[in-house]
Every structure is written in C-alpha cells, then in structure tokens.
Amino acid sequence: MNGSRLSSENLHASTVSLDGRAVLISGPSGSGKSDLALRLLDRGFTLVSDDRTIVRKEGNKPIASAPETIKGKLEIRGIGIVETETVSDIPVAMVVELTSDIQRLPDDARERLILGTTIPLITIDAMTASAPSKVAMALDRLGLKF
C-alpha cells in the first residue's frame, strides 16, 4: 500500500491481450473465464494470466501481469493445466464481466474503477458461441487506446 491508496490489486480475473491492450475477464468461479480466454487465444489474443491477475498502477494506467506462480499456465477443464505463450505488463483497456443475465440493449456505457482509473466494462455470457467475437468487437469500439 502507498499511504491510504492501493498501488496494486490481486483480482479474481483471467486476462488476455491483443495489440498491447489487456482485457480482464471477471466472474464467479465456474462462469467460463478460462474457457473464454482459451477461445480468445484462438482469435489471436495472448494470455496474460489465468484466474488471478495482478494489476498495478503505472502513471495513470492500470497494468496487468500474472502472479509468478501461475505465469504461462492456463487451466483447461477436462485436460488440466497447460503451458502457453504469455505476455506481461500490459495496460488494461477493458473489463468483461461474465453473467447469464444480459441486457439486450444496455442503457448507457458501463465502467469499472480499478486503482482510481475508469475502465470500460461489458457484460456477456461466456457460454455463447459469439462471446469471443463480442469481446474483440467491444475492444475495438470501447476499449481504451494506448
């Protein structure tokens, strides 16, 4: 901690990256975080961290990395833990919250506050076939640019 302000957080989230922008995937255990991360890897994303993500503040940007104990590891249900390519120290551009209760047309843009920075937030159902496409499209349209 730095005074009364946090300088880092350990979040229950899987994180992937595309073109130097990280997407945090949050949701309860069993909601499909690792499964969605795996499908995003097939779309050209790279793993930052699976299940737990350390986010620290660098300047005015939240930066995502994996805890050392799980760096480069992805849990695939039915197969186990596999080693995969990974990147680290990636600015967080967007948060995906997994839920099965999706509004057809959200009223207004949603956001999540991480270490004092407002990050765009979308909600999706990870189990739908279109989930990876929705994440990629939202990152292009809503994700912070760095």
N, C-alpha and C. Protein backbone atom coordinates (compact mmCIF):
# COMPACT_ATOMS: atom_id res chain seq x y z
N MET A 1 0.84 -1.18 0.00
CA MET A 1 0.00 0.00 0.00
C MET A 1 0.88 1.24 0.00
N ASN A 2 0.37 2.29 -0.60
CA ASN A 2 1.07 3.55 -0.68
C ASN A 2 0.21 4.58 0.02
N GLY A 3 0.50 4.88 1.29
CA GLY A 3 -0.40 5.75 2.06
C GLY A 3 -1.71 5.02 2.23
N SER A 4 -2.82 5.70 1.90
CA SER A 4 -4.11 5.05 2.01
C SER A 4 -4.60 4.56 0.65
N ARG A 5 -3.78 4.73 -0.39
CA ARG A 5 -4.18 4.31 -1.73
C ARG A 5 -3.47 3.02 -2.11
N LEU A 6 -4.21 2.12 -2.73
CA LEU A 6 -3.61 0.88 -3.19
C LEU A 6 -2.73 1.16 -4.41
N SER A 7 -1.58 0.53 -4.47
CA SER A 7 -0.74 0.66 -5.65
C SER A 7 -0.85 -0.60 -6.52
N SER A 8 -1.47 -1.66 -5.97
CA SER A 8 -1.73 -2.86 -6.77
C SER A 8 -2.91 -3.62 -6.17
N GLU A 9 -3.53 -4.46 -7.00
CA GLU A 9 -4.64 -5.31 -6.59
C GLU A 9 -4.42 -6.69 -7.17
N ASN A 10 -4.83 -7.72 -6.44
CA ASN A 10 -4.82 -9.09 -6.94
C ASN A 10 -6.28 -9.43 -7.23
N LEU A 11 -6.64 -9.48 -8.51
CA LEU A 11 -8.03 -9.66 -8.90
C LEU A 11 -8.33 -11.10 -9.30
N HIS A 12 -9.55 -11.54 -9.00
CA HIS A 12 -10.03 -12.85 -9.46
C HIS A 12 -10.51 -12.66 -10.89
N ALA A 13 -9.57 -12.73 -11.84
CA ALA A 13 -9.88 -12.48 -13.25
C ALA A 13 -8.82 -13.15 -14.12
N SER A 14 -9.26 -13.66 -15.25
CA SER A 14 -8.33 -14.09 -16.29
C SER A 14 -8.10 -12.89 -17.18
N THR A 15 -6.93 -12.81 -17.81
CA THR A 15 -6.60 -11.65 -18.63
C THR A 15 -5.91 -12.10 -19.90
N VAL A 16 -6.36 -11.50 -21.01
CA VAL A 16 -5.74 -11.74 -22.32
C VAL A 16 -5.38 -10.39 -22.92
N SER A 17 -4.53 -10.43 -23.94
CA SER A 17 -4.05 -9.20 -24.54
C SER A 17 -4.09 -9.30 -26.07
N LEU A 18 -4.38 -8.17 -26.70
CA LEU A 18 -4.31 -8.06 -28.15
C LEU A 18 -3.77 -6.68 -28.49
N ASP A 19 -2.73 -6.64 -29.28
CA ASP A 19 -2.14 -5.37 -29.73
C ASP A 19 -1.80 -4.44 -28.57
N GLY A 20 -1.25 -5.00 -27.50
CA GLY A 20 -0.80 -4.19 -26.37
C GLY A 20 -1.89 -3.66 -25.48
N ARG A 21 -3.10 -4.23 -25.55
CA ARG A 21 -4.21 -3.82 -24.69
C ARG A 21 -4.77 -5.06 -23.99
N ALA A 22 -4.86 -4.99 -22.67
CA ALA A 22 -5.33 -6.13 -21.88
C ALA A 22 -6.83 -6.06 -21.66
N VAL A 23 -7.45 -7.25 -21.64
CA VAL A 23 -8.87 -7.41 -21.34
C VAL A 23 -8.95 -8.31 -20.11
N LEU A 24 -9.49 -7.75 -19.00
CA LEU A 24 -9.73 -8.53 -17.79
C LEU A 24 -11.07 -9.24 -17.95
N ILE A 25 -11.10 -10.53 -17.66
CA ILE A 25 -12.33 -11.32 -17.73
C ILE A 25 -12.68 -11.73 -16.31
N SER A 26 -13.75 -11.12 -15.76
CA SER A 26 -14.12 -11.39 -14.38
C SER A 26 -15.45 -12.14 -14.32
N GLY A 27 -15.65 -12.81 -13.20
CA GLY A 27 -16.89 -13.54 -12.99
C GLY A 27 -16.67 -14.57 -11.90
N PRO A 28 -17.76 -15.14 -11.40
CA PRO A 28 -17.63 -16.13 -10.34
C PRO A 28 -16.94 -17.40 -10.83
N SER A 29 -16.45 -18.21 -9.90
CA SER A 29 -15.85 -19.49 -10.25
C SER A 29 -16.82 -20.30 -11.08
N GLY A 30 -16.32 -20.92 -12.14
CA GLY A 30 -17.17 -21.75 -13.00
C GLY A 30 -17.95 -20.99 -14.04
N SER A 31 -17.77 -19.67 -14.15
CA SER A 31 -18.56 -18.88 -15.10
C SER A 31 -17.99 -18.90 -16.51
N GLY A 32 -16.77 -19.44 -16.69
CA GLY A 32 -16.22 -19.57 -18.03
C GLY A 32 -15.06 -18.65 -18.34
N LYS A 33 -14.39 -18.11 -17.32
CA LYS A 33 -13.27 -17.19 -17.56
C LYS A 33 -12.16 -17.86 -18.38
N SER A 34 -11.72 -19.02 -17.93
CA SER A 34 -10.63 -19.71 -18.63
C SER A 34 -11.08 -20.20 -20.00
N ASP A 35 -12.33 -20.66 -20.11
CA ASP A 35 -12.85 -21.12 -21.39
C ASP A 35 -12.89 -19.98 -22.41
N LEU A 36 -13.36 -18.81 -21.98
CA LEU A 36 -13.40 -17.66 -22.88
C LEU A 36 -11.98 -17.22 -23.25
N ALA A 37 -11.08 -17.24 -22.27
CA ALA A 37 -9.68 -16.89 -22.56
C ALA A 37 -9.12 -17.83 -23.63
N LEU A 38 -9.38 -19.14 -23.51
CA LEU A 38 -8.91 -20.12 -24.49
C LEU A 38 -9.45 -19.80 -25.88
N ARG A 39 -10.73 -19.49 -25.96
CA ARG A 39 -11.32 -19.18 -27.27
C ARG A 39 -10.75 -17.87 -27.83
N LEU A 40 -10.41 -16.92 -26.96
CA LEU A 40 -9.78 -15.68 -27.44
C LEU A 40 -8.35 -15.93 -27.91
N LEU A 41 -7.65 -16.88 -27.29
CA LEU A 41 -6.31 -17.24 -27.77
C LEU A 41 -6.40 -17.74 -29.21
N ASP A 42 -7.46 -18.49 -29.53
CA ASP A 42 -7.67 -18.96 -30.90
C ASP A 42 -7.93 -17.82 -31.87
N ARG A 43 -8.34 -16.66 -31.37
CA ARG A 43 -8.60 -15.47 -32.20
C ARG A 43 -7.37 -14.57 -32.31
N GLY A 44 -6.25 -14.98 -31.75
CA GLY A 44 -5.04 -14.16 -31.86
C GLY A 44 -4.66 -13.39 -30.61
N PHE A 45 -5.45 -13.50 -29.56
CA PHE A 45 -5.09 -12.88 -28.29
C PHE A 45 -3.96 -13.69 -27.66
N THR A 46 -3.27 -13.12 -26.69
CA THR A 46 -2.21 -13.80 -25.95
C THR A 46 -2.57 -13.77 -24.47
N LEU A 47 -2.28 -14.85 -23.77
CA LEU A 47 -2.58 -14.93 -22.35
C LEU A 47 -1.69 -13.98 -21.55
N VAL A 48 -2.31 -13.27 -20.62
CA VAL A 48 -1.57 -12.52 -19.60
C VAL A 48 -1.59 -13.35 -18.32
N SER A 49 -2.79 -13.76 -17.90
CA SER A 49 -2.91 -14.55 -16.68
C SER A 49 -4.25 -15.28 -16.66
N ASP A 50 -4.26 -16.44 -16.02
CA ASP A 50 -5.49 -17.21 -15.89
C ASP A 50 -5.93 -17.26 -14.43
N ASP A 51 -7.14 -16.85 -14.18
CA ASP A 51 -7.84 -16.93 -12.90
C ASP A 51 -7.46 -15.84 -11.89
N ARG A 52 -6.22 -15.47 -11.79
CA ARG A 52 -5.79 -14.40 -10.88
C ARG A 52 -4.93 -13.44 -11.70
N THR A 53 -5.14 -12.15 -11.51
CA THR A 53 -4.36 -11.14 -12.23
C THR A 53 -3.92 -10.06 -11.25
N ILE A 54 -2.66 -9.72 -11.30
CA ILE A 54 -2.14 -8.61 -10.51
C ILE A 54 -2.22 -7.36 -11.37
N VAL A 55 -2.88 -6.34 -10.86
CA VAL A 55 -2.97 -5.06 -11.55
C VAL A 55 -2.28 -4.03 -10.68
N ARG A 56 -1.31 -3.34 -11.26
CA ARG A 56 -0.59 -2.27 -10.55
C ARG A 56 -0.74 -0.98 -11.33
N LYS A 57 -0.54 0.12 -10.66
CA LYS A 57 -0.67 1.44 -11.29
C LYS A 57 0.70 1.88 -11.79
N GLU A 58 0.76 2.31 -13.04
CA GLU A 58 1.98 2.87 -13.62
C GLU A 58 1.58 4.18 -14.29
N GLY A 59 1.97 5.30 -13.68
CA GLY A 59 1.45 6.59 -14.15
C GLY A 59 -0.04 6.61 -13.88
N ASN A 60 -0.84 6.83 -14.93
CA ASN A 60 -2.29 6.82 -14.75
C ASN A 60 -2.93 5.55 -15.33
N LYS A 61 -2.10 4.55 -15.67
CA LYS A 61 -2.62 3.34 -16.29
C LYS A 61 -2.55 2.14 -15.36
N PRO A 62 -3.63 1.35 -15.29
CA PRO A 62 -3.54 0.06 -14.61
C PRO A 62 -2.84 -0.94 -15.55
N ILE A 63 -1.87 -1.67 -15.02
CA ILE A 63 -1.06 -2.59 -15.80
C ILE A 63 -1.27 -4.01 -15.27
N ALA A 64 -1.56 -4.96 -16.17
CA ALA A 64 -1.88 -6.34 -15.78
C ALA A 64 -0.70 -7.28 -15.98
N SER A 65 -0.52 -8.18 -15.01
CA SER A 65 0.50 -9.22 -15.06
C SER A 65 -0.02 -10.44 -14.32
N ALA A 66 0.67 -11.56 -14.53
CA ALA A 66 0.33 -12.80 -13.82
C ALA A 66 1.15 -12.91 -12.55
N PRO A 67 0.58 -13.49 -11.50
CA PRO A 67 1.41 -13.87 -10.36
C PRO A 67 2.47 -14.88 -10.85
N GLU A 68 3.67 -14.81 -10.32
CA GLU A 68 4.77 -15.69 -10.78
C GLU A 68 4.40 -17.17 -10.73
N THR A 69 3.61 -17.57 -9.73
CA THR A 69 3.30 -18.99 -9.55
C THR A 69 2.43 -19.57 -10.67
N ILE A 70 1.70 -18.72 -11.41
CA ILE A 70 0.82 -19.23 -12.47
C ILE A 70 1.15 -18.66 -13.84
N LYS A 71 2.23 -17.93 -13.96
CA LYS A 71 2.61 -17.30 -15.22
C LYS A 71 2.77 -18.35 -16.33
N GLY A 72 2.09 -18.12 -17.46
CA GLY A 72 2.19 -19.02 -18.61
C GLY A 72 1.37 -20.28 -18.49
N LYS A 73 0.48 -20.36 -17.49
CA LYS A 73 -0.33 -21.56 -17.28
C LYS A 73 -1.80 -21.24 -17.48
N LEU A 74 -2.50 -22.14 -18.15
CA LEU A 74 -3.93 -21.99 -18.42
C LEU A 74 -4.61 -23.30 -18.04
N GLU A 75 -5.68 -23.18 -17.21
CA GLU A 75 -6.44 -24.37 -16.84
C GLU A 75 -7.51 -24.63 -17.89
N ILE A 76 -7.47 -25.82 -18.45
CA ILE A 76 -8.48 -26.23 -19.43
C ILE A 76 -9.22 -27.40 -18.83
N ARG A 77 -10.50 -27.17 -18.48
CA ARG A 77 -11.28 -28.24 -17.84
C ARG A 77 -11.34 -29.46 -18.73
N GLY A 78 -11.12 -30.61 -18.12
CA GLY A 78 -11.12 -31.86 -18.85
C GLY A 78 -9.75 -32.23 -19.39
N ILE A 79 -8.82 -31.29 -19.41
CA ILE A 79 -7.46 -31.56 -19.89
C ILE A 79 -6.45 -31.34 -18.78
N GLY A 80 -6.60 -30.24 -18.05
CA GLY A 80 -5.68 -29.92 -16.97
C GLY A 80 -5.01 -28.58 -17.20
N ILE A 81 -3.88 -28.39 -16.56
CA ILE A 81 -3.15 -27.13 -16.68
C ILE A 81 -2.12 -27.28 -17.79
N VAL A 82 -2.17 -26.37 -18.76
CA VAL A 82 -1.25 -26.41 -19.89
C VAL A 82 -0.39 -25.15 -19.92
N GLU A 83 0.81 -25.30 -20.44
CA GLU A 83 1.72 -24.16 -20.63
C GLU A 83 1.33 -23.46 -21.94
N THR A 84 1.37 -22.13 -21.94
CA THR A 84 1.05 -21.39 -23.14
C THR A 84 1.87 -20.11 -23.20
N GLU A 85 1.96 -19.55 -24.39
CA GLU A 85 2.67 -18.28 -24.57
C GLU A 85 2.00 -17.22 -23.70
N THR A 86 2.79 -16.32 -23.17
CA THR A 86 2.25 -15.30 -22.28
C THR A 86 2.95 -13.97 -22.50
N VAL A 87 2.28 -12.91 -22.14
CA VAL A 87 2.86 -11.57 -22.12
C VAL A 87 2.61 -10.98 -20.74
N SER A 88 3.33 -9.92 -20.42
CA SER A 88 3.23 -9.33 -19.09
C SER A 88 3.28 -7.81 -19.19
N ASP A 89 2.84 -7.16 -18.12
CA ASP A 89 2.91 -5.69 -18.04
C ASP A 89 2.15 -5.01 -19.17
N ILE A 90 0.87 -5.37 -19.30
CA ILE A 90 0.02 -4.86 -20.39
C ILE A 90 -1.03 -3.90 -19.82
N PRO A 91 -1.19 -2.70 -20.39
CA PRO A 91 -2.21 -1.76 -19.91
C PRO A 91 -3.62 -2.33 -20.07
N VAL A 92 -4.43 -2.17 -19.03
CA VAL A 92 -5.81 -2.68 -19.04
C VAL A 92 -6.70 -1.71 -19.83
N ALA A 93 -7.30 -2.23 -20.91
CA ALA A 93 -8.14 -1.41 -21.79
C ALA A 93 -9.63 -1.65 -21.58
N MET A 94 -10.00 -2.83 -21.04
CA MET A 94 -11.43 -3.16 -20.93
C MET A 94 -11.62 -4.28 -19.91
N VAL A 95 -12.80 -4.31 -19.31
CA VAL A 95 -13.19 -5.39 -18.40
C VAL A 95 -14.41 -6.08 -18.98
N VAL A 96 -14.39 -7.40 -18.98
CA VAL A 96 -15.53 -8.22 -19.38
C VAL A 96 -16.04 -8.90 -18.13
N GLU A 97 -17.31 -8.68 -17.82
CA GLU A 97 -17.94 -9.33 -16.68
C GLU A 97 -18.85 -10.44 -17.21
N LEU A 98 -18.63 -11.65 -16.72
CA LEU A 98 -19.41 -12.79 -17.20
C LEU A 98 -20.67 -12.98 -16.37
N THR A 99 -21.78 -13.10 -17.07
CA THR A 99 -23.08 -13.32 -16.44
C THR A 99 -24.01 -13.94 -17.47
N SER A 100 -25.06 -14.58 -17.02
CA SER A 100 -26.06 -15.09 -17.95
C SER A 100 -27.25 -14.13 -18.06
N ASP A 101 -27.24 -13.06 -17.27
CA ASP A 101 -28.31 -12.06 -17.27
C ASP A 101 -27.86 -10.85 -18.10
N ILE A 102 -28.09 -10.89 -19.40
CA ILE A 102 -27.59 -9.87 -20.32
C ILE A 102 -28.74 -8.98 -20.78
N GLN A 103 -28.51 -7.66 -20.70
CA GLN A 103 -29.49 -6.72 -21.26
C GLN A 103 -29.36 -6.72 -22.77
N ARG A 104 -30.48 -6.73 -23.45
CA ARG A 104 -30.44 -6.75 -24.92
C ARG A 104 -29.79 -5.47 -25.44
N LEU A 105 -30.22 -4.33 -24.94
CA LEU A 105 -29.65 -3.04 -25.31
C LEU A 105 -29.32 -2.28 -24.03
N PRO A 106 -28.07 -2.32 -23.58
CA PRO A 106 -27.72 -1.61 -22.35
C PRO A 106 -28.03 -0.12 -22.46
N ASP A 107 -28.49 0.46 -21.36
CA ASP A 107 -28.90 1.86 -21.36
C ASP A 107 -27.73 2.80 -21.64
N ASP A 108 -26.65 2.64 -20.93
CA ASP A 108 -25.51 3.52 -21.14
C ASP A 108 -24.23 2.75 -20.88
N ALA A 109 -23.13 3.36 -21.27
CA ALA A 109 -21.83 2.71 -21.11
C ALA A 109 -21.58 2.40 -19.64
N ARG A 110 -21.05 1.23 -19.39
CA ARG A 110 -20.72 0.84 -18.02
C ARG A 110 -19.22 0.90 -17.85
N GLU A 111 -18.82 1.08 -16.60
CA GLU A 111 -17.40 1.22 -16.30
C GLU A 111 -17.07 0.52 -15.00
N ARG A 112 -15.79 0.20 -14.82
CA ARG A 112 -15.30 -0.33 -13.56
C ARG A 112 -14.11 0.52 -13.15
N LEU A 113 -14.05 0.85 -11.87
CA LEU A 113 -12.95 1.63 -11.33
C LEU A 113 -11.87 0.66 -10.83
N ILE A 114 -10.68 0.77 -11.40
CA ILE A 114 -9.55 -0.06 -10.99
C ILE A 114 -8.39 0.86 -10.65
N LEU A 115 -7.98 0.84 -9.40
CA LEU A 115 -6.87 1.66 -8.92
C LEU A 115 -7.03 3.13 -9.32
N GLY A 116 -8.27 3.62 -9.20
CA GLY A 116 -8.54 5.03 -9.47
C GLY A 116 -8.72 5.38 -10.94
N THR A 117 -8.67 4.39 -11.83
CA THR A 117 -8.85 4.63 -13.26
C THR A 117 -10.15 4.00 -13.72
N THR A 118 -10.93 4.73 -14.48
CA THR A 118 -12.19 4.22 -15.01
C THR A 118 -11.92 3.43 -16.29
N ILE A 119 -12.35 2.18 -16.29
CA ILE A 119 -12.13 1.26 -17.41
C ILE A 119 -13.48 0.85 -17.98
N PRO A 120 -13.65 0.86 -19.32
CA PRO A 120 -14.91 0.40 -19.93
C PRO A 120 -15.21 -1.04 -19.53
N LEU A 121 -16.51 -1.33 -19.33
CA LEU A 121 -16.97 -2.64 -18.89
C LEU A 121 -18.10 -3.11 -19.79
N ILE A 122 -18.01 -4.38 -20.21
CA ILE A 122 -19.13 -5.00 -20.92
C ILE A 122 -19.53 -6.26 -20.16
N THR A 123 -20.76 -6.68 -20.32
CA THR A 123 -21.22 -7.94 -19.75
C THR A 123 -21.60 -8.87 -20.89
N ILE A 124 -21.14 -10.12 -20.79
CA ILE A 124 -21.50 -11.12 -21.79
C ILE A 124 -21.69 -12.46 -21.11
N ASP A 125 -22.32 -13.37 -21.84
CA ASP A 125 -22.46 -14.75 -21.40
C ASP A 125 -21.33 -15.53 -22.08
N ALA A 126 -20.38 -16.01 -21.31
CA ALA A 126 -19.19 -16.68 -21.86
C ALA A 126 -19.54 -17.95 -22.62
N MET A 127 -20.70 -18.53 -22.35
CA MET A 127 -21.04 -19.81 -22.95
C MET A 127 -21.66 -19.69 -24.33
N THR A 128 -21.90 -18.48 -24.81
CA THR A 128 -22.46 -18.32 -26.14
C THR A 128 -21.35 -18.42 -27.18
N ALA A 129 -21.68 -18.90 -28.36
CA ALA A 129 -20.70 -19.03 -29.43
C ALA A 129 -20.12 -17.68 -29.85
N SER A 130 -20.90 -16.62 -29.70
CA SER A 130 -20.46 -15.30 -30.15
C SER A 130 -19.61 -14.55 -29.12
N ALA A 131 -19.39 -15.12 -27.94
CA ALA A 131 -18.67 -14.40 -26.88
C ALA A 131 -17.30 -13.88 -27.32
N PRO A 132 -16.43 -14.67 -27.96
CA PRO A 132 -15.13 -14.13 -28.38
C PRO A 132 -15.26 -12.98 -29.38
N SER A 133 -16.22 -13.09 -30.29
CA SER A 133 -16.44 -12.02 -31.27
C SER A 133 -16.90 -10.74 -30.58
N LYS A 134 -17.76 -10.88 -29.58
CA LYS A 134 -18.24 -9.71 -28.84
C LYS A 134 -17.09 -9.02 -28.11
N VAL A 135 -16.20 -9.82 -27.50
CA VAL A 135 -15.05 -9.23 -26.80
C VAL A 135 -14.16 -8.48 -27.79
N ALA A 136 -13.83 -9.10 -28.92
CA ALA A 136 -12.97 -8.45 -29.92
C ALA A 136 -13.60 -7.17 -30.45
N MET A 137 -14.90 -7.21 -30.75
CA MET A 137 -15.58 -6.03 -31.27
C MET A 137 -15.64 -4.93 -30.22
N ALA A 138 -15.94 -5.28 -28.99
CA ALA A 138 -16.01 -4.28 -27.92
C ALA A 138 -14.64 -3.66 -27.66
N LEU A 139 -13.58 -4.47 -27.72
CA LEU A 139 -12.23 -3.92 -27.52
C LEU A 139 -11.93 -2.88 -28.60
N ASP A 140 -12.29 -3.17 -29.84
CA ASP A 140 -12.07 -2.21 -30.94
C ASP A 140 -12.90 -0.93 -30.76
N ARG A 141 -14.14 -1.08 -30.31
CA ARG A 141 -15.04 0.06 -30.24
C ARG A 141 -15.02 0.81 -28.92
N LEU A 142 -14.84 0.09 -27.82
CA LEU A 142 -14.97 0.71 -26.49
C LEU A 142 -13.68 0.74 -25.69
N GLY A 143 -12.76 -0.16 -25.99
CA GLY A 143 -11.55 -0.29 -25.19
C GLY A 143 -10.68 0.95 -25.24
N LEU A 144 -10.04 1.24 -24.12
CA LEU A 144 -9.14 2.39 -24.05
C LEU A 144 -8.01 2.22 -25.06
N LYS A 145 -7.61 3.31 -25.69
CA LYS A 145 -6.50 3.29 -26.65
C LYS A 145 -5.24 3.75 -25.92
N PHE A 146 -4.13 3.10 -26.20
CA PHE A 146 -2.87 3.47 -25.55
C PHE A 146 -1.84 3.80 -26.61
